[in-house]
Amino acid sequence: MNEEEPFYKNWRVLLLAVVILGSITAITVSYSNGQLNIQNNLKYGLDLDGGSWLQVQLQGAIAQVDADAGKIVQVEFARLLNDPSIKIDEVTAASVTFTTSTEITQKTIDSFGFGPSTLSVAPSGGTQVTLQTNKDFLIQTYLKNKLGADVKQVPGRFPTFEIRKAVTEESLNAILQPVGGKVVPPFREGVTVETRDETKQRLENKLNPIALKQITITPIGDNYLLIDLPGVSIEEARKLALTPGKFEIRIQSKGNETEHVLFGDQITGVGVPQKEKGDSWGVSFELTDDGAKALRDAAIQYGAVTNPAAHYLSMYLDTKLVFDAPLAVELAKNIQSVPVRSLVATTGPGDTGQEKAKELQLHLRAGALPVQVKEAGSGEVSAPLGSKFKEQVLIAGIIALVLVAFVVSLRYKQPNIIIPMLSTSFSEVIIILGFAVLFGLQLDLATIAGIIAVIGTGIDHLIIITDEVLAGGAMPPDKVYKSRLSKAFNIIFAAAATVLVAMLPLIFFMDSSALRGFAEITIAGVFIGVFLARPAYAVVIKGMLREDTSTKFVEED
């Protein structure tokens, strides 16, 4: 037999060792505020950490709608211009022409949002207006005005609209009746997948600031979102998730009167709460170019640049005042000459100022959701119960490893087989936990079940490798060893492929976060085992058995 390098110098074993060390580092070491911290970086789900869950329903409807374009223009402009004598002259696929007796300007007509216009003197007197528009856009604008909600057109053969507000088919027919319109079935409550995903993203931006634990939001169909809030009480969960609403900044004009400046969608970025000058806490935020210009124009118009103390900026969430303060003197001076995009809202010193800063950060992140949400279900897991589950899971994991060790010991009775096998299995657990930290996966009862399942299948694979290479009762020569090892890995790859195929439907077709977490951790465990741990074990077991001087090498017939 030729001398070989020690198994612990083999690149597969070294790679496994490096990945284990990296996983331990990911689990225990974090970097923040310019320094390294030793802590537990594992994120625990609702089952293990306690907290609340909410199921929210997205308020909206998708409807096919038909209406008379001429009647829409007649009804709407009679209202807008206070002119009941509006006369429709011509309706084409790309324009609507009407006559009004009211003296009107093109700027005023265009401001109503029904499309670009051209004006001329009507032959019979009055003003003739031609709107460059079409039937679909007129229906969309009419519904938006009547419902006071955002309305989006959905691509399709027939005019279909997403109404971002709770509405019934009967109420929608009543709204359309004055303009010769109606709902053309099918009509369904709900929103589009794009709106659902947009709402999910905005809720995540609101609910997952650095100050809170990781919160997961899982879509359920097109109309519901399931929100898990570990470590958050049900009252706080409702406050956070169900009141994102509309964020608005207003400016004090005179006395207690205020005027609109901008909405939350003009805020492009929000910083983390931090101390500004001295002991005072604050939250930085940035405005869009249009938002910065709107703030500058309002500050100049109402005198905030010359007398900021008399013209506070107020922030509202769903018409509720959440913060107000005057412009700083230096900011008032700068904003008079140029729009300022980067601002800081200061909330005061000490713990009170810090808490106010955290709360304001949430509000600034909120913006306005695409649709309103309504609670459809809720639940709470108390912190003591979550801690108890955590202890039970730890005990269950230890018992599983002990039982596996016992069964393996009964079968092989050789430390040079038992120790590498159990060490390999334990290393897989460490790597899976490191994977969970790096990819932001939460550990809950389902993912823990997935890890235990991976331990079981992993031991099965290691037994296959061991039994194949020792099929003759002893360690074979290299040629035979490689042949048997290849056969063992063919079996392992086939078994792993079966597991992957079984898990993929849970990834792509199941909305449940628990089932997805189980599938994700199982798939990760299978890949880690097949491509990292099993090859390293094969090298280790070969080296360990060959160092056993009592082993005899026999040739197969």
Protein backbone atom coordinates (compact mmCIF):
# COMPACT_ATOMS: atom_id res chain seq x y z
CA MET A 1 0.00 0.00 0.00
CA ASN A 2 1.32 3.44 -0.94
CA GLU A 3 1.66 6.06 1.75
CA GLU A 4 -1.10 8.64 1.59
CA GLU A 5 -1.38 12.06 3.19
CA PRO A 6 -3.24 12.09 6.55
CA PHE A 7 -6.99 12.40 6.13
CA TYR A 8 -7.05 15.66 8.11
CA LYS A 9 -4.97 17.30 5.36
CA ASN A 10 -7.41 16.34 2.60
CA TRP A 11 -9.05 19.38 0.98
CA ARG A 12 -12.56 18.02 1.55
CA VAL A 13 -11.95 17.72 5.29
CA LEU A 14 -10.30 21.15 5.42
CA LEU A 15 -13.21 22.71 3.53
CA LEU A 16 -15.67 21.17 5.97
CA ALA A 17 -13.65 22.52 8.91
CA VAL A 18 -13.53 26.03 7.41
CA VAL A 19 -17.30 26.03 6.78
CA ILE A 20 -17.94 24.85 10.36
CA LEU A 21 -15.79 27.68 11.74
CA GLY A 22 -17.54 30.16 9.46
CA SER A 23 -20.94 28.93 10.62
CA ILE A 24 -19.96 29.23 14.29
CA THR A 25 -18.75 32.78 13.58
CA ALA A 26 -22.03 33.67 11.85
CA ILE A 27 -24.02 32.29 14.78
CA THR A 28 -22.04 34.00 17.55
CA VAL A 29 -20.34 37.12 16.15
CA SER A 30 -21.93 40.33 14.87
CA TYR A 31 -20.56 43.70 13.83
CA SER A 32 -22.32 46.94 14.72
CA ASN A 33 -21.41 50.47 15.73
CA GLY A 34 -17.82 49.86 14.69
CA GLN A 35 -17.18 46.94 17.02
CA LEU A 36 -17.50 43.17 17.16
CA ASN A 37 -20.10 41.69 19.51
CA ILE A 38 -20.34 38.14 20.83
CA GLN A 39 -24.02 37.19 20.93
CA ASN A 40 -26.58 34.69 19.71
CA ASN A 41 -27.51 35.70 16.16
CA LEU A 42 -30.13 33.00 15.66
CA LYS A 43 -33.60 34.37 14.94
CA TYR A 44 -36.43 32.52 16.65
CA GLY A 45 -39.95 32.37 15.34
CA LEU A 46 -43.21 32.85 17.13
CA ASP A 47 -43.24 29.29 18.52
CA LEU A 48 -39.91 29.65 20.31
CA ASP A 49 -39.78 33.34 21.21
CA GLY A 50 -43.39 34.17 22.01
CA GLY A 51 -45.25 37.02 20.32
CA SER A 52 -48.26 37.52 18.11
CA TRP A 53 -49.59 36.72 14.68
CA LEU A 54 -52.07 38.63 12.57
CA GLN A 55 -53.88 37.65 9.42
CA VAL A 56 -54.92 40.74 7.49
CA GLN A 57 -57.26 41.06 4.55
CA LEU A 58 -56.42 43.49 1.76
CA GLN A 59 -59.40 45.69 0.97
CA GLY A 60 -60.12 45.97 -2.73
CA ALA A 61 -61.97 44.62 -5.73
CA ILE A 62 -61.29 43.69 -9.33
CA ALA A 63 -64.11 44.39 -11.76
CA GLN A 64 -64.84 44.51 -15.45
CA VAL A 65 -66.64 47.79 -16.07
CA ASP A 66 -68.46 49.38 -18.99
CA ALA A 67 -69.77 52.95 -19.21
CA ASP A 68 -70.63 55.73 -21.66
CA ALA A 69 -67.61 58.00 -22.22
CA GLY A 70 -69.77 60.96 -23.23
CA LYS A 71 -71.97 60.68 -20.14
CA ILE A 72 -68.91 60.51 -17.88
CA VAL A 73 -67.61 63.79 -19.29
CA GLN A 74 -71.07 65.38 -19.14
CA VAL A 75 -71.74 64.36 -15.54
CA GLU A 76 -68.28 65.13 -14.20
CA PHE A 77 -67.78 68.50 -15.87
CA ALA A 78 -71.32 69.59 -14.96
CA ARG A 79 -70.22 69.03 -11.37
CA LEU A 80 -66.72 70.45 -11.68
CA LEU A 81 -67.72 73.57 -13.63
CA ASN A 82 -71.08 73.98 -11.90
CA ASP A 83 -72.67 74.05 -15.36
CA PRO A 84 -75.71 71.77 -15.85
CA SER A 85 -75.91 72.76 -19.53
CA ILE A 86 -72.81 70.81 -20.61
CA LYS A 87 -73.37 69.56 -24.19
CA ILE A 88 -71.47 66.64 -25.72
CA ASP A 89 -70.53 67.46 -29.32
CA GLU A 90 -68.46 64.43 -30.40
CA VAL A 91 -67.05 61.22 -28.96
CA THR A 92 -64.27 59.29 -30.71
CA ALA A 93 -61.91 56.53 -29.62
CA ALA A 94 -59.23 59.09 -28.71
CA SER A 95 -61.16 62.25 -27.75
CA VAL A 96 -64.34 63.77 -26.35
CA THR A 97 -65.54 67.24 -27.35
CA PHE A 98 -68.06 69.23 -25.31
CA THR A 99 -69.35 72.76 -24.97
CA THR A 100 -69.75 74.73 -21.76
CA SER A 101 -71.24 78.15 -21.17
CA THR A 102 -68.72 78.77 -18.38
CA GLU A 103 -65.67 80.89 -19.06
CA ILE A 104 -62.77 78.57 -18.39
CA THR A 105 -59.02 78.29 -19.02
CA GLN A 106 -57.06 75.38 -20.39
CA LYS A 107 -55.02 75.19 -17.18
CA THR A 108 -58.19 74.68 -15.15
CA ILE A 109 -59.52 71.97 -17.49
CA ASP A 110 -56.19 70.12 -17.44
CA SER A 111 -56.04 70.29 -13.65
CA PHE A 112 -59.15 68.07 -13.41
CA GLY A 113 -57.07 65.15 -14.67
CA PHE A 114 -59.26 63.87 -17.51
CA GLY A 115 -56.55 64.35 -20.16
CA PRO A 116 -54.87 67.16 -22.16
CA SER A 117 -57.29 69.69 -23.64
CA THR A 118 -57.65 72.24 -26.40
CA LEU A 119 -60.10 75.14 -26.14
CA SER A 120 -61.89 77.17 -28.78
CA VAL A 121 -64.92 79.42 -29.11
CA ALA A 122 -68.07 77.35 -29.74
CA PRO A 123 -70.15 78.29 -32.84
CA SER A 124 -73.23 78.77 -30.68
CA GLY A 125 -71.35 80.66 -28.00
CA GLY A 126 -69.51 79.47 -24.92
CA THR A 127 -66.30 77.45 -24.85
CA GLN A 128 -65.73 74.26 -26.81
CA VAL A 129 -63.34 71.83 -25.10
CA THR A 130 -61.70 68.80 -26.70
CA LEU A 131 -60.19 66.28 -24.31
CA GLN A 132 -57.47 63.99 -25.66
CA THR A 133 -58.57 60.89 -23.77
CA ASN A 134 -60.20 57.48 -24.15
CA LYS A 135 -63.03 55.49 -22.64
CA ASP A 136 -60.88 53.34 -20.34
CA PHE A 137 -59.09 56.35 -18.85
CA LEU A 138 -62.40 58.18 -18.35
CA ILE A 139 -63.88 55.20 -16.48
CA GLN A 140 -60.75 54.94 -14.33
CA THR A 141 -60.81 58.66 -13.46
CA TYR A 142 -64.55 58.62 -12.79
CA LEU A 143 -64.25 55.71 -10.37
CA LYS A 144 -61.28 57.32 -8.66
CA ASN A 145 -63.24 60.55 -8.10
CA LYS A 146 -66.42 58.85 -6.93
CA LEU A 147 -64.77 56.34 -4.60
CA GLY A 148 -61.99 58.55 -3.28
CA ALA A 149 -59.56 55.69 -3.86
CA ASP A 150 -56.77 54.68 -6.18
CA VAL A 151 -57.97 52.79 -9.26
CA LYS A 152 -55.60 50.89 -11.55
CA GLN A 153 -56.37 49.42 -14.94
CA VAL A 154 -55.59 45.72 -15.24
CA PRO A 155 -54.49 44.42 -18.67
CA GLY A 156 -57.15 42.35 -20.39
CA ARG A 157 -59.41 42.10 -23.43
CA PHE A 158 -62.24 43.89 -21.61
CA PRO A 159 -61.77 47.06 -19.52
CA THR A 160 -60.84 45.69 -16.07
CA PHE A 161 -59.98 47.79 -13.04
CA GLU A 162 -58.47 47.18 -9.64
CA ILE A 163 -60.26 49.31 -7.08
CA ARG A 164 -58.04 49.77 -4.05
CA LYS A 165 -60.89 50.08 -1.59
CA ALA A 166 -63.55 47.79 -0.15
CA VAL A 167 -66.54 47.96 -2.50
CA THR A 168 -69.42 45.64 -3.41
CA GLU A 169 -70.77 44.86 -6.86
CA GLU A 170 -74.11 46.48 -5.93
CA SER A 171 -72.52 49.74 -4.73
CA LEU A 172 -70.31 49.86 -7.81
CA ASN A 173 -73.35 49.44 -10.09
CA ALA A 174 -75.08 52.29 -8.24
CA ILE A 175 -72.06 54.56 -8.85
CA LEU A 176 -71.96 53.65 -12.56
CA GLN A 177 -75.69 53.99 -13.19
CA PRO A 178 -75.67 57.83 -13.79
CA VAL A 179 -73.10 57.41 -16.59
CA GLY A 180 -74.81 54.48 -18.31
CA GLY A 181 -72.38 51.99 -16.83
CA LYS A 182 -72.46 48.65 -15.10
CA VAL A 183 -70.26 45.87 -13.78
CA VAL A 184 -69.74 43.10 -16.30
CA PRO A 185 -69.22 39.76 -14.49
CA PRO A 186 -66.95 38.38 -13.18
CA PHE A 187 -66.53 40.64 -10.13
CA ARG A 188 -64.32 39.55 -7.25
CA GLU A 189 -63.16 41.00 -3.99
CA GLY A 190 -59.41 41.16 -3.66
CA VAL A 191 -56.39 42.76 -5.29
CA THR A 192 -53.84 41.84 -7.92
CA VAL A 193 -50.69 39.92 -7.06
CA GLU A 194 -48.66 43.06 -7.78
CA THR A 195 -50.67 45.10 -5.27
CA ARG A 196 -50.44 42.32 -2.70
CA ASP A 197 -46.67 42.18 -3.08
CA GLU A 198 -46.39 45.99 -2.94
CA THR A 199 -48.44 46.05 0.26
CA LYS A 200 -46.28 43.26 1.71
CA GLN A 201 -43.10 45.18 0.88
CA ARG A 202 -44.34 48.41 2.45
CA LEU A 203 -45.48 46.60 5.59
CA GLU A 204 -42.07 44.94 5.83
CA ASN A 205 -40.39 48.34 5.56
CA LYS A 206 -42.59 49.60 8.40
CA LEU A 207 -42.44 46.56 10.66
CA ASN A 208 -38.78 45.60 10.29
CA PRO A 209 -36.71 48.58 11.40
CA ILE A 210 -33.47 47.71 13.15
CA ALA A 211 -35.09 48.26 16.56
CA LEU A 212 -37.48 45.33 16.17
CA LYS A 213 -36.95 41.59 15.83
CA GLN A 214 -37.25 39.95 12.45
CA ILE A 215 -40.88 39.95 11.37
CA THR A 216 -42.08 37.71 8.56
CA ILE A 217 -45.00 38.39 6.25
CA THR A 218 -46.37 35.50 4.20
CA PRO A 219 -48.91 35.95 1.38
CA ILE A 220 -51.94 33.65 1.55
CA GLY A 221 -53.65 33.71 -1.81
CA ASP A 222 -54.09 37.11 -3.43
CA ASN A 223 -56.13 38.66 -0.65
CA TYR A 224 -54.48 37.90 2.70
CA LEU A 225 -51.16 38.39 4.48
CA LEU A 226 -50.02 36.41 7.52
CA ILE A 227 -47.77 38.48 9.79
CA ASP A 228 -45.63 36.83 12.50
CA LEU A 229 -44.36 39.30 15.11
CA PRO A 230 -42.00 37.51 17.57
CA GLY A 231 -41.65 39.24 20.94
CA VAL A 232 -44.54 41.65 20.23
CA SER A 233 -47.80 41.68 22.19
CA ILE A 234 -51.09 41.40 20.35
CA GLU A 235 -51.99 45.02 21.22
CA GLU A 236 -48.68 46.32 19.88
CA ALA A 237 -49.02 44.05 16.84
CA ARG A 238 -52.39 45.59 15.98
CA LYS A 239 -50.99 49.07 16.51
CA LEU A 240 -48.03 48.40 14.21
CA ALA A 241 -49.70 46.41 11.45
CA LEU A 242 -53.23 47.77 11.25
CA THR A 243 -52.52 51.49 11.45
CA PRO A 244 -49.90 52.15 8.76
CA GLY A 245 -52.31 54.52 7.04
CA LYS A 246 -51.49 57.72 5.26
CA PHE A 247 -48.49 59.76 6.42
CA GLU A 248 -48.68 63.51 5.77
CA ILE A 249 -46.56 66.56 6.54
CA ARG A 250 -48.42 69.86 7.01
CA ILE A 251 -47.27 73.38 7.83
CA GLN A 252 -48.82 75.86 10.26
CA SER A 253 -50.19 78.78 8.23
CA LYS A 254 -51.84 81.06 10.79
CA GLY A 255 -53.16 80.38 14.25
CA ASN A 256 -54.01 76.69 14.55
CA GLU A 257 -54.66 76.27 10.82
CA THR A 258 -52.37 74.01 8.80
CA GLU A 259 -51.83 73.43 5.08
CA HIS A 260 -50.78 70.29 3.23
CA VAL A 261 -47.13 70.06 2.16
CA LEU A 262 -46.47 66.44 1.11
CA PHE A 263 -47.43 62.79 1.67
CA GLY A 264 -45.27 59.91 2.83
CA ASP A 265 -44.58 58.67 -0.69
CA GLN A 266 -42.29 61.71 -1.09
CA ILE A 267 -39.98 60.26 1.59
CA THR A 268 -37.31 58.13 -0.06
CA GLY A 269 -35.21 57.04 2.90
CA VAL A 270 -35.27 56.94 6.69
CA GLY A 271 -32.26 56.58 8.97
CA VAL A 272 -31.97 54.88 12.35
CA PRO A 273 -32.55 56.75 15.62
CA GLN A 274 -29.29 58.26 16.83
CA LYS A 275 -27.99 61.11 18.94
CA GLU A 276 -27.60 64.33 17.01
CA LYS A 277 -26.29 67.32 18.96
CA GLY A 278 -25.47 66.73 22.59
CA ASP A 279 -27.85 64.27 24.20
CA SER A 280 -30.75 64.91 21.82
CA TRP A 281 -32.06 62.01 19.74
CA GLY A 282 -33.21 62.33 16.17
CA VAL A 283 -34.23 60.52 12.99
CA SER A 284 -32.87 61.50 9.59
CA PHE A 285 -34.96 61.23 6.43
CA GLU A 286 -34.67 62.21 2.78
CA LEU A 287 -37.24 63.71 0.41
CA THR A 288 -37.63 63.36 -3.32
CA ASP A 289 -36.77 66.39 -5.45
CA ASP A 290 -40.48 67.21 -5.77
CA GLY A 291 -40.95 66.76 -2.01
CA ALA A 292 -38.02 69.06 -1.21
CA LYS A 293 -39.39 71.69 -3.61
CA ALA A 294 -42.89 71.42 -2.08
CA LEU A 295 -41.44 71.91 1.41
CA ARG A 296 -39.39 74.92 0.28
CA ASP A 297 -42.35 76.55 -1.49
CA ALA A 298 -44.62 76.04 1.54
CA ALA A 299 -41.99 77.37 3.96
CA ILE A 300 -41.59 80.54 1.85
CA GLN A 301 -45.32 80.97 1.20
CA TYR A 302 -46.33 80.77 4.86
CA GLY A 303 -43.36 82.59 6.34
CA ALA A 304 -41.56 79.68 8.02
CA VAL A 305 -38.21 80.81 6.56
CA THR A 306 -38.40 84.18 8.33
CA ASN A 307 -40.32 83.20 11.47
CA PRO A 308 -39.96 79.43 11.95
CA ALA A 309 -41.19 79.47 15.56
CA ALA A 310 -44.65 80.57 14.37
CA HIS A 311 -44.96 77.99 11.60
CA TYR A 312 -44.44 74.48 12.90
CA LEU A 313 -44.10 71.48 10.58
CA SER A 314 -46.56 68.78 11.69
CA MET A 315 -46.51 65.09 10.83
CA TYR A 316 -49.78 63.16 10.76
CA LEU A 317 -50.58 59.47 10.50
CA ASP A 318 -54.21 58.86 9.54
CA THR A 319 -54.98 62.48 10.58
CA LYS A 320 -53.45 61.86 14.03
CA LEU A 321 -50.61 64.17 15.03
CA VAL A 322 -47.45 62.12 15.68
CA PHE A 323 -44.77 64.86 15.66
CA ASP A 324 -44.46 68.63 15.30
CA ALA A 325 -41.58 71.06 15.56
CA PRO A 326 -40.39 74.31 13.96
CA LEU A 327 -37.65 74.50 11.35
CA ALA A 328 -34.21 74.99 12.84
CA VAL A 329 -32.92 78.53 12.27
CA GLU A 330 -30.05 77.34 10.08
CA LEU A 331 -32.37 75.12 8.02
CA ALA A 332 -34.86 77.98 7.58
CA LYS A 333 -32.03 80.14 6.24
CA ASN A 334 -30.77 77.50 3.82
CA ILE A 335 -34.17 76.42 2.53
CA GLN A 336 -34.95 79.96 1.44
CA SER A 337 -32.35 79.76 -1.31
CA VAL A 338 -32.33 76.06 -2.26
CA PRO A 339 -34.56 72.99 -1.67
CA VAL A 340 -33.16 70.74 1.07
CA ARG A 341 -33.63 66.98 0.68
CA SER A 342 -31.91 65.67 3.83
CA LEU A 343 -33.64 66.54 7.09
CA VAL A 344 -33.47 65.45 10.74
CA ALA A 345 -36.43 65.40 13.14
CA THR A 346 -35.15 65.73 16.72
CA THR A 347 -37.19 64.19 19.54
CA GLY A 348 -35.40 65.24 22.70
CA PRO A 349 -32.83 63.80 25.15
CA GLY A 350 -32.68 60.68 27.29
CA ASP A 351 -34.67 57.49 27.15
CA THR A 352 -37.88 59.38 26.37
CA GLY A 353 -36.28 61.02 23.35
CA GLN A 354 -34.94 57.66 22.16
CA GLU A 355 -38.36 56.00 22.41
CA LYS A 356 -39.98 58.89 20.55
CA ALA A 357 -37.30 58.61 17.86
CA LYS A 358 -37.98 54.89 17.41
CA GLU A 359 -41.70 55.53 17.13
CA LEU A 360 -41.19 58.38 14.67
CA GLN A 361 -38.93 56.16 12.58
CA LEU A 362 -41.82 53.70 12.23
CA HIS A 363 -44.17 56.45 11.11
CA LEU A 364 -41.68 57.86 8.59
CA ARG A 365 -41.20 54.40 7.13
CA ALA A 366 -44.94 53.85 6.86
CA GLY A 367 -45.75 55.97 3.86
CA ALA A 368 -49.20 55.16 2.49
CA LEU A 369 -50.18 51.55 1.85
CA PRO A 370 -51.61 50.82 -1.61
CA VAL A 371 -54.77 49.45 0.04
CA GLN A 372 -56.30 49.43 3.48
CA VAL A 373 -55.96 46.26 5.53
CA LYS A 374 -58.45 44.69 7.92
CA GLU A 375 -57.80 42.16 10.66
CA ALA A 376 -59.10 38.72 9.66
CA GLY A 377 -57.56 36.68 12.48
CA SER A 378 -55.05 36.95 15.31
CA GLY A 379 -53.33 34.97 18.04
CA GLU A 380 -50.69 35.26 20.70
CA VAL A 381 -48.01 32.98 22.16
CA SER A 382 -46.84 34.14 25.58
CA ALA A 383 -43.11 34.58 26.17
CA PRO A 384 -42.99 31.92 28.95
CA LEU A 385 -44.69 29.42 26.65
CA GLY A 386 -42.24 30.28 23.87
CA SER A 387 -39.31 29.72 26.26
CA LYS A 388 -40.82 26.39 27.29
CA PHE A 389 -41.09 25.34 23.63
CA LYS A 390 -37.43 26.34 23.18
CA GLU A 391 -36.39 24.13 26.09
CA GLN A 392 -38.51 21.25 24.81
CA VAL A 393 -37.00 21.53 21.34
CA LEU A 394 -33.47 21.55 22.80
CA ILE A 395 -34.25 18.47 24.90
CA ALA A 396 -35.82 16.74 21.89
CA GLY A 397 -32.73 17.49 19.78
CA ILE A 398 -30.37 16.14 22.45
CA ILE A 399 -32.47 13.00 22.87
CA ALA A 400 -32.48 12.49 19.09
CA LEU A 401 -28.67 12.71 18.95
CA VAL A 402 -28.29 10.36 21.95
CA LEU A 403 -30.63 7.78 20.42
CA VAL A 404 -28.85 7.99 17.08
CA ALA A 405 -25.51 7.51 18.88
CA PHE A 406 -26.93 4.50 20.74
CA VAL A 407 -28.23 2.82 17.57
CA VAL A 408 -24.99 3.46 15.69
CA SER A 409 -22.98 2.08 18.63
CA LEU A 410 -25.04 -1.10 18.66
CA ARG A 411 -24.43 -1.60 14.95
CA TYR A 412 -20.70 -0.89 14.63
CA LYS A 413 -19.14 -1.08 18.13
CA GLN A 414 -16.04 0.72 16.78
CA PRO A 415 -15.12 4.20 18.03
CA ASN A 416 -13.24 4.92 14.78
CA ILE A 417 -16.60 4.62 12.97
CA ILE A 418 -18.99 5.97 15.61
CA ILE A 419 -17.06 9.17 16.40
CA PRO A 420 -16.65 10.37 12.76
CA MET A 421 -20.29 9.52 12.00
CA LEU A 422 -21.71 11.47 14.96
CA SER A 423 -19.24 14.32 14.48
CA THR A 424 -20.26 14.64 10.83
CA SER A 425 -23.94 14.68 11.77
CA PHE A 426 -23.36 17.34 14.44
CA SER A 427 -21.31 19.45 12.03
CA GLU A 428 -24.23 19.44 9.60
CA VAL A 429 -26.45 20.91 12.31
CA ILE A 430 -23.92 23.69 12.97
CA ILE A 431 -23.67 24.51 9.26
CA ILE A 432 -27.47 24.54 8.83
CA LEU A 433 -27.78 26.98 11.74
CA GLY A 434 -25.09 29.17 10.16
CA PHE A 435 -27.01 29.03 6.88
CA ALA A 436 -30.18 30.11 8.72
CA VAL A 437 -28.36 33.15 10.17
CA LEU A 438 -26.81 34.20 6.86
CA PHE A 439 -30.09 33.95 4.94
CA GLY A 440 -32.32 35.37 7.67
CA LEU A 441 -34.35 32.21 8.30
CA GLN A 442 -36.25 31.95 11.55
CA LEU A 443 -36.09 28.89 13.75
CA ASP A 444 -39.54 27.65 14.70
CA LEU A 445 -41.05 24.24 15.37
CA ALA A 446 -41.30 23.48 11.64
CA THR A 447 -37.68 24.35 10.84
CA ILE A 448 -36.47 22.44 13.91
CA ALA A 449 -38.44 19.44 12.63
CA GLY A 450 -36.66 19.91 9.30
CA ILE A 451 -33.25 19.87 11.03
CA ILE A 452 -34.14 16.67 12.90
CA ALA A 453 -35.30 15.12 9.60
CA VAL A 454 -31.97 16.11 8.04
CA ILE A 455 -30.12 14.43 10.93
CA GLY A 456 -32.06 11.23 10.28
CA THR A 457 -31.48 11.17 6.52
CA GLY A 458 -27.85 12.19 7.07
CA ILE A 459 -27.18 9.25 9.36
CA ASP A 460 -28.86 6.97 6.79
CA HIS A 461 -26.45 8.22 4.14
CA LEU A 462 -23.42 7.76 6.41
CA ILE A 463 -24.53 4.20 7.18
CA ILE A 464 -24.83 3.53 3.43
CA ILE A 465 -21.26 4.76 2.90
CA THR A 466 -19.91 2.75 5.84
CA ASP A 467 -21.71 -0.48 4.92
CA GLU A 468 -20.72 -0.26 1.28
CA VAL A 469 -17.01 0.25 1.90
CA LEU A 470 -16.95 -2.45 4.60
CA ALA A 471 -19.13 -4.91 2.70
CA GLY A 472 -16.41 -7.59 2.90
CA GLY A 473 -15.95 -7.16 6.65
CA ALA A 474 -12.76 -5.11 6.33
CA MET A 475 -11.30 -2.05 4.64
CA PRO A 476 -10.68 -2.95 0.95
CA PRO A 477 -7.84 -1.83 -1.35
CA ASP A 478 -8.10 1.54 -3.05
CA LYS A 479 -9.57 0.28 -6.32
CA VAL A 480 -12.32 -1.67 -4.61
CA TYR A 481 -12.88 1.14 -2.09
CA LYS A 482 -13.44 3.67 -4.87
CA SER A 483 -15.84 1.34 -6.65
CA ARG A 484 -17.89 0.76 -3.50
CA LEU A 485 -17.82 4.45 -2.59
CA SER A 486 -19.10 5.36 -6.06
CA LYS A 487 -21.95 2.88 -5.63
CA ALA A 488 -22.79 4.36 -2.22
CA PHE A 489 -22.90 7.91 -3.61
CA ASN A 490 -25.14 6.83 -6.49
CA ILE A 491 -27.64 5.65 -3.88
CA ILE A 492 -27.20 8.84 -1.84
CA PHE A 493 -27.69 11.14 -4.87
CA ALA A 494 -30.84 9.28 -5.87
CA ALA A 495 -32.24 9.54 -2.33
CA ALA A 496 -31.33 13.25 -2.11
CA ALA A 497 -32.99 13.96 -5.47
CA THR A 498 -36.17 12.31 -4.18
CA VAL A 499 -36.19 14.56 -1.11
CA LEU A 500 -35.62 17.68 -3.24
CA VAL A 501 -38.44 16.81 -5.61
CA ALA A 502 -40.76 16.21 -2.66
CA MET A 503 -39.86 19.57 -1.06
CA LEU A 504 -40.07 21.79 -4.16
CA PRO A 505 -43.89 21.97 -4.24
CA LEU A 506 -43.81 23.33 -0.68
CA ILE A 507 -41.46 26.08 -1.85
CA PHE A 508 -43.34 27.14 -4.97
CA PHE A 509 -46.99 26.37 -4.28
CA MET A 510 -47.57 26.59 -0.52
CA ASP A 511 -48.24 29.94 1.15
CA SER A 512 -47.77 28.71 4.73
CA SER A 513 -44.59 30.13 6.22
CA ALA A 514 -44.22 27.04 8.45
CA LEU A 515 -44.29 24.62 5.53
CA ARG A 516 -41.96 26.81 3.47
CA GLY A 517 -39.53 27.03 6.39
CA PHE A 518 -39.57 23.23 6.78
CA ALA A 519 -38.89 22.78 3.07
CA GLU A 520 -36.17 25.44 2.90
CA ILE A 521 -34.22 24.06 5.86
CA THR A 522 -34.59 20.48 4.60
CA ILE A 523 -33.34 21.36 1.11
CA ALA A 524 -30.43 23.33 2.59
CA GLY A 525 -29.55 20.37 4.82
CA VAL A 526 -29.64 17.94 1.90
CA PHE A 527 -27.29 20.10 -0.20
CA ILE A 528 -24.91 20.67 2.74
CA GLY A 529 -24.81 16.96 3.48
CA VAL A 530 -24.47 15.61 -0.06
CA PHE A 531 -21.91 18.07 -1.38
CA LEU A 532 -19.93 18.89 1.78
CA ALA A 533 -20.36 16.57 4.77
CA ARG A 534 -20.71 13.14 3.08
CA PRO A 535 -17.56 13.46 0.89
CA ALA A 536 -15.57 14.63 3.93
CA TYR A 537 -16.89 11.69 5.98
CA ALA A 538 -15.82 9.26 3.26
CA VAL A 539 -12.26 10.62 3.50
CA VAL A 540 -12.24 10.56 7.31
CA ILE A 541 -13.63 7.02 7.63
CA LYS A 542 -11.09 5.75 5.13
CA GLY A 543 -8.22 7.35 7.05
CA MET A 544 -9.50 6.22 10.45
CA LEU A 545 -9.96 2.60 9.38
CA ARG A 546 -6.62 2.41 7.63
CA GLU A 547 -4.87 3.61 10.78
CA ASP A 548 -6.38 0.59 12.53
CA THR A 549 -3.56 -1.96 12.38
CA SER A 550 -5.97 -4.82 12.99
CA THR A 551 -7.66 -4.20 9.67
CA LYS A 552 -6.86 -6.75 6.97
CA PHE A 553 -6.95 -5.91 3.30
CA VAL A 554 -8.54 -8.54 1.13
CA GLU A 555 -9.08 -8.68 -2.60
CA GLU A 556 -12.53 -9.42 -3.94
CA ASP A 557 -12.87 -12.30 -6.32
